């Protein structure tokens, strides 16, 4: 899976949860410009350090919105 695809999916999922880049950054403990860089079409995508927290956050947000 390419980093570009991951960045696109992060943006799509963030928007589906009505989160701003700043809100997602605060939840993950990173800067807003980090989220913006991940989501860029030619961006580098998240580092391995953030992949697990991102997936956990998406699962958590999905759970609380469906319960």
Protein backbone atom coordinates (compact mmCIF):
# COMPACT_ATOMS: atom_id res chain seq x y z
CA UNK A 1 0.00 0.00 0.00
CA UNK A 2 1.49 3.33 -1.02
CA UNK A 3 1.93 6.26 1.33
CA UNK A 4 -0.14 8.38 -1.07
CA UNK A 5 -3.05 5.97 -0.71
CA UNK A 6 -2.72 6.00 3.08
CA UNK A 7 -2.71 9.82 3.11
CA UNK A 8 -5.83 9.88 0.93
CA UNK A 9 -7.60 7.41 3.25
CA UNK A 10 -6.65 9.41 6.35
CA UNK A 11 -8.19 12.51 4.78
CA UNK A 12 -11.31 10.64 3.72
CA UNK A 13 -11.84 9.05 7.14
CA UNK A 14 -11.09 12.31 8.98
CA UNK A 15 -13.69 14.14 6.91
CA UNK A 16 -16.23 11.33 7.39
CA UNK A 17 -15.84 11.85 11.14
CA UNK A 18 -16.17 15.63 10.75
CA UNK A 19 -12.74 16.24 12.25
CA UNK A 20 -10.49 19.11 11.28
CA UNK A 21 -6.81 18.51 10.72
CA UNK A 22 -6.19 20.32 14.01
CA UNK A 23 -8.60 18.09 15.92
CA UNK A 24 -7.05 14.92 14.52
CA UNK A 25 -3.57 16.26 15.29
CA UNK A 26 -4.57 16.91 18.89
CA UNK A 27 -6.01 13.41 19.22
CA UNK A 28 -2.80 11.87 17.85
CA UNK A 29 -0.37 14.20 19.63
CA UNK A 30 1.20 15.73 16.54
CA UNK A 31 1.13 19.07 14.73
CA UNK A 32 -1.61 20.12 12.29
CA UNK A 33 0.95 20.61 9.53
CA UNK A 34 1.96 16.94 10.01
CA UNK A 35 -1.61 15.87 9.16
CA UNK A 36 -1.62 18.24 6.18
CA UNK A 37 1.63 16.74 4.91
CA UNK A 38 0.25 13.18 5.21
CA UNK A 39 -2.84 14.12 3.23
CA UNK A 40 -1.03 15.84 0.36
CA UNK A 41 -1.28 14.04 -2.95
CA UNK A 42 2.52 13.90 -3.15
CA UNK A 43 2.97 13.81 0.61
CA UNK A 44 5.21 11.41 2.44
CA UNK A 45 2.40 9.77 4.40
CA UNK A 46 2.64 8.99 8.09
CA UNK A 47 5.72 7.44 9.62
CA UNK A 48 5.48 3.93 11.04
CA UNK A 49 5.34 5.50 14.50
CA UNK A 50 1.87 6.91 13.74
CA UNK A 51 0.28 4.02 11.83
CA UNK A 52 -0.92 2.15 14.91
CA UNK A 53 -2.27 5.26 16.72
CA UNK A 54 -4.08 6.33 13.54
CA UNK A 55 -5.72 2.93 13.08
CA UNK A 56 -6.68 2.78 16.78
CA UNK A 57 -8.15 6.29 16.63
CA UNK A 58 -10.22 5.43 13.55
CA UNK A 59 -11.56 2.27 15.22
CA UNK A 60 -12.32 4.20 18.42
CA UNK A 61 -14.15 6.98 16.58
CA UNK A 62 -16.12 4.43 14.55
CA UNK A 63 -17.15 2.65 17.73
CA UNK A 64 -18.34 5.75 19.61
CA UNK A 65 -20.30 7.06 16.62
CA UNK A 66 -22.13 3.79 16.06
CA UNK A 67 -23.03 3.08 19.70
